[in-house]
Amino acid sequence: MITIVRAHVKDGVVIPDTPLNLPDGIVVQLQITSEDERPSMLELLKDIPYPHHFKTSAEADEYLQNERNSWWD
C-alpha cells in the first residue's frame, strides 16, 4: 500500500506532491479526503485494531472520548 500524504487537484486530476514511481498501467485505489475534513466515526472505528472489543460501555465511551480529545491536541 502506498500512502500519499499530500496531493493537489488540477483540472480534475489528482497530482501527488512527490512522484510515486509506479509502473505504467498499474491499477490503484484512491481514498480522497480534504485536509479540512475530520474523519467520520465510522472511519475511526474502522481503524481500531482488530480484534478490539470493550468489556463495558464505559470502556467504549472512554476510548471514544480520548479519540475526540486528540482532535484538539
N, C-alpha and C. Protein backbone atom coordinates (compact mmCIF):
# COMPACT_ATOMS: atom_id res chain seq x y z
N MET A 1 0.84 -1.17 0.00
CA MET A 1 0.00 0.00 0.00
C MET A 1 0.89 1.24 0.00
N ILE A 2 0.49 2.23 -0.74
CA ILE A 2 1.20 3.50 -0.80
C ILE A 2 0.30 4.56 -0.20
N THR A 3 0.84 5.36 0.68
CA THR A 3 0.09 6.45 1.27
C THR A 3 0.62 7.76 0.71
N ILE A 4 -0.26 8.53 0.10
CA ILE A 4 0.10 9.85 -0.39
C ILE A 4 -0.25 10.83 0.71
N VAL A 5 0.73 11.51 1.21
CA VAL A 5 0.47 12.43 2.31
C VAL A 5 -0.25 13.67 1.79
N ARG A 6 0.21 14.21 0.68
CA ARG A 6 -0.42 15.41 0.12
C ARG A 6 -0.48 15.31 -1.39
N ALA A 7 -1.52 15.87 -1.95
CA ALA A 7 -1.69 15.95 -3.39
C ALA A 7 -2.56 17.17 -3.68
N HIS A 8 -2.55 17.60 -4.91
CA HIS A 8 -3.39 18.72 -5.33
C HIS A 8 -4.22 18.28 -6.53
N VAL A 9 -5.33 18.96 -6.73
CA VAL A 9 -6.19 18.66 -7.87
C VAL A 9 -6.06 19.80 -8.87
N LYS A 10 -5.77 19.45 -10.12
CA LYS A 10 -5.68 20.43 -11.19
C LYS A 10 -6.46 19.90 -12.38
N ASP A 11 -7.42 20.68 -12.83
CA ASP A 11 -8.28 20.29 -13.94
C ASP A 11 -8.93 18.92 -13.71
N GLY A 12 -9.31 18.66 -12.44
CA GLY A 12 -9.97 17.40 -12.11
C GLY A 12 -9.06 16.20 -11.97
N VAL A 13 -7.75 16.42 -12.03
CA VAL A 13 -6.79 15.32 -11.93
C VAL A 13 -6.03 15.45 -10.61
N VAL A 14 -5.90 14.33 -9.87
CA VAL A 14 -5.14 14.33 -8.62
C VAL A 14 -3.67 14.21 -8.95
N ILE A 15 -2.88 15.18 -8.46
CA ILE A 15 -1.45 15.21 -8.73
C ILE A 15 -0.71 15.13 -7.39
N PRO A 16 0.01 14.03 -7.14
CA PRO A 16 0.75 13.93 -5.88
C PRO A 16 1.88 14.95 -5.83
N ASP A 17 2.19 15.42 -4.62
CA ASP A 17 3.26 16.40 -4.45
C ASP A 17 4.64 15.80 -4.73
N THR A 18 4.77 14.50 -4.56
CA THR A 18 6.04 13.82 -4.86
C THR A 18 5.75 12.66 -5.81
N PRO A 19 6.68 12.32 -6.68
CA PRO A 19 6.46 11.22 -7.62
C PRO A 19 6.29 9.89 -6.89
N LEU A 20 5.43 9.04 -7.42
CA LEU A 20 5.17 7.74 -6.79
C LEU A 20 5.99 6.62 -7.41
N ASN A 21 6.53 6.86 -8.60
CA ASN A 21 7.35 5.85 -9.29
C ASN A 21 6.64 4.50 -9.42
N LEU A 22 5.39 4.54 -9.89
CA LEU A 22 4.62 3.33 -10.12
C LEU A 22 4.75 2.93 -11.59
N PRO A 23 4.68 1.63 -11.88
CA PRO A 23 4.77 1.21 -13.27
C PRO A 23 3.52 1.62 -14.06
N ASP A 24 3.71 1.92 -15.35
CA ASP A 24 2.58 2.27 -16.21
C ASP A 24 1.57 1.14 -16.24
N GLY A 25 0.30 1.49 -16.25
CA GLY A 25 -0.77 0.51 -16.38
C GLY A 25 -1.21 -0.13 -15.07
N ILE A 26 -0.54 0.19 -13.96
CA ILE A 26 -0.94 -0.41 -12.69
C ILE A 26 -2.29 0.15 -12.27
N VAL A 27 -3.13 -0.68 -11.67
CA VAL A 27 -4.43 -0.25 -11.18
C VAL A 27 -4.27 0.09 -9.70
N VAL A 28 -4.74 1.26 -9.32
CA VAL A 28 -4.64 1.69 -7.93
C VAL A 28 -6.02 2.08 -7.41
N GLN A 29 -6.17 2.05 -6.11
CA GLN A 29 -7.41 2.50 -5.47
C GLN A 29 -7.06 3.71 -4.62
N LEU A 30 -7.83 4.79 -4.77
CA LEU A 30 -7.57 6.02 -4.04
C LEU A 30 -8.67 6.27 -3.03
N GLN A 31 -8.29 6.79 -1.88
CA GLN A 31 -9.25 7.31 -0.91
C GLN A 31 -8.91 8.77 -0.74
N ILE A 32 -9.79 9.63 -1.17
CA ILE A 32 -9.50 11.07 -1.19
C ILE A 32 -10.26 11.74 -0.05
N THR A 33 -9.51 12.50 0.74
CA THR A 33 -10.12 13.30 1.81
C THR A 33 -9.58 14.71 1.71
N SER A 34 -10.34 15.64 2.21
CA SER A 34 -9.92 17.02 2.23
C SER A 34 -9.19 17.29 3.54
N GLU A 35 -8.20 18.18 3.51
CA GLU A 35 -7.45 18.48 4.73
C GLU A 35 -8.33 19.12 5.79
N ASP A 36 -9.43 19.79 5.39
CA ASP A 36 -10.26 20.42 6.40
C ASP A 36 -11.33 19.47 6.94
N GLU A 37 -11.39 18.26 6.44
CA GLU A 37 -12.37 17.30 6.92
C GLU A 37 -11.77 16.46 8.03
N ARG A 38 -12.55 16.22 9.04
CA ARG A 38 -12.14 15.30 10.10
C ARG A 38 -12.69 13.92 9.76
N PRO A 39 -12.02 12.87 10.20
CA PRO A 39 -12.54 11.53 9.91
C PRO A 39 -13.90 11.31 10.58
N SER A 40 -14.74 10.54 9.92
CA SER A 40 -16.04 10.22 10.50
C SER A 40 -15.86 9.18 11.60
N MET A 41 -16.87 9.02 12.41
CA MET A 41 -16.80 8.00 13.46
C MET A 41 -16.63 6.61 12.85
N LEU A 42 -17.26 6.37 11.70
CA LEU A 42 -17.09 5.07 11.05
C LEU A 42 -15.64 4.84 10.65
N GLU A 43 -14.97 5.88 10.15
CA GLU A 43 -13.56 5.75 9.79
C GLU A 43 -12.72 5.49 11.03
N LEU A 44 -13.02 6.17 12.12
CA LEU A 44 -12.27 5.94 13.36
C LEU A 44 -12.47 4.52 13.86
N LEU A 45 -13.70 4.05 13.83
CA LEU A 45 -13.97 2.69 14.29
C LEU A 45 -13.31 1.66 13.39
N LYS A 46 -13.27 1.95 12.08
CA LYS A 46 -12.63 1.03 11.13
C LYS A 46 -11.14 0.88 11.43
N ASP A 47 -10.53 1.95 11.96
CA ASP A 47 -9.10 1.95 12.22
C ASP A 47 -8.71 1.36 13.57
N ILE A 48 -9.70 0.98 14.38
CA ILE A 48 -9.38 0.35 15.65
C ILE A 48 -8.79 -1.03 15.35
N PRO A 49 -7.62 -1.34 15.93
CA PRO A 49 -7.02 -2.65 15.67
C PRO A 49 -7.97 -3.79 16.03
N TYR A 50 -8.04 -4.76 15.14
CA TYR A 50 -8.91 -5.91 15.38
C TYR A 50 -8.08 -7.03 15.96
N PRO A 51 -8.50 -7.84 16.85
CA PRO A 51 -9.79 -7.72 17.49
C PRO A 51 -9.71 -6.71 18.63
N HIS A 52 -10.66 -5.84 18.69
CA HIS A 52 -10.72 -4.86 19.77
C HIS A 52 -12.16 -4.82 20.24
N HIS A 53 -12.34 -5.19 21.43
CA HIS A 53 -13.69 -5.13 21.97
C HIS A 53 -13.61 -4.52 23.36
N PHE A 54 -14.71 -4.01 23.78
CA PHE A 54 -14.79 -3.37 25.07
C PHE A 54 -15.61 -4.26 25.99
N LYS A 55 -15.16 -4.38 27.21
CA LYS A 55 -15.89 -5.21 28.17
C LYS A 55 -17.13 -4.50 28.68
N THR A 56 -17.07 -3.17 28.69
CA THR A 56 -18.23 -2.40 29.17
C THR A 56 -18.45 -1.21 28.24
N SER A 57 -19.64 -0.66 28.32
CA SER A 57 -19.91 0.54 27.52
C SER A 57 -19.08 1.71 28.03
N ALA A 58 -18.72 1.71 29.30
CA ALA A 58 -17.88 2.78 29.85
C ALA A 58 -16.49 2.75 29.20
N GLU A 59 -15.95 1.56 28.94
CA GLU A 59 -14.65 1.45 28.25
C GLU A 59 -14.75 2.02 26.84
N ALA A 60 -15.84 1.71 26.14
CA ALA A 60 -16.04 2.23 24.79
C ALA A 60 -16.17 3.76 24.83
N ASP A 61 -16.95 4.26 25.79
CA ASP A 61 -17.10 5.71 25.92
C ASP A 61 -15.77 6.39 26.20
N GLU A 62 -14.96 5.79 27.07
CA GLU A 62 -13.65 6.37 27.40
C GLU A 62 -12.75 6.40 26.17
N TYR A 63 -12.74 5.31 25.40
CA TYR A 63 -11.92 5.26 24.18
C TYR A 63 -12.35 6.37 23.21
N LEU A 64 -13.65 6.50 22.99
CA LEU A 64 -14.15 7.50 22.05
C LEU A 64 -13.89 8.91 22.54
N GLN A 65 -14.02 9.15 23.85
CA GLN A 65 -13.74 10.48 24.39
C GLN A 65 -12.26 10.83 24.22
N ASN A 66 -11.38 9.86 24.47
CA ASN A 66 -9.94 10.10 24.26
C ASN A 66 -9.64 10.40 22.80
N GLU A 67 -10.32 9.72 21.90
CA GLU A 67 -10.13 9.97 20.46
C GLU A 67 -10.59 11.38 20.12
N ARG A 68 -11.75 11.78 20.62
CA ARG A 68 -12.26 13.14 20.37
C ARG A 68 -11.29 14.18 20.93
N ASN A 69 -10.79 13.94 22.14
CA ASN A 69 -9.87 14.89 22.76
C ASN A 69 -8.59 15.04 21.93
N SER A 70 -8.16 13.97 21.27
CA SER A 70 -6.92 14.03 20.47
C SER A 70 -7.09 14.94 19.25
N TRP A 71 -8.32 15.18 18.81
CA TRP A 71 -8.55 16.05 17.66
C TRP A 71 -8.11 17.47 17.97
N TRP A 72 -8.10 17.86 19.22
CA TRP A 72 -7.82 19.24 19.60
C TRP A 72 -6.41 19.42 20.12
N ASP A 73 -5.62 18.35 20.14
CA ASP A 73 -4.23 18.46 20.60
C ASP A 73 -3.35 19.13 19.60
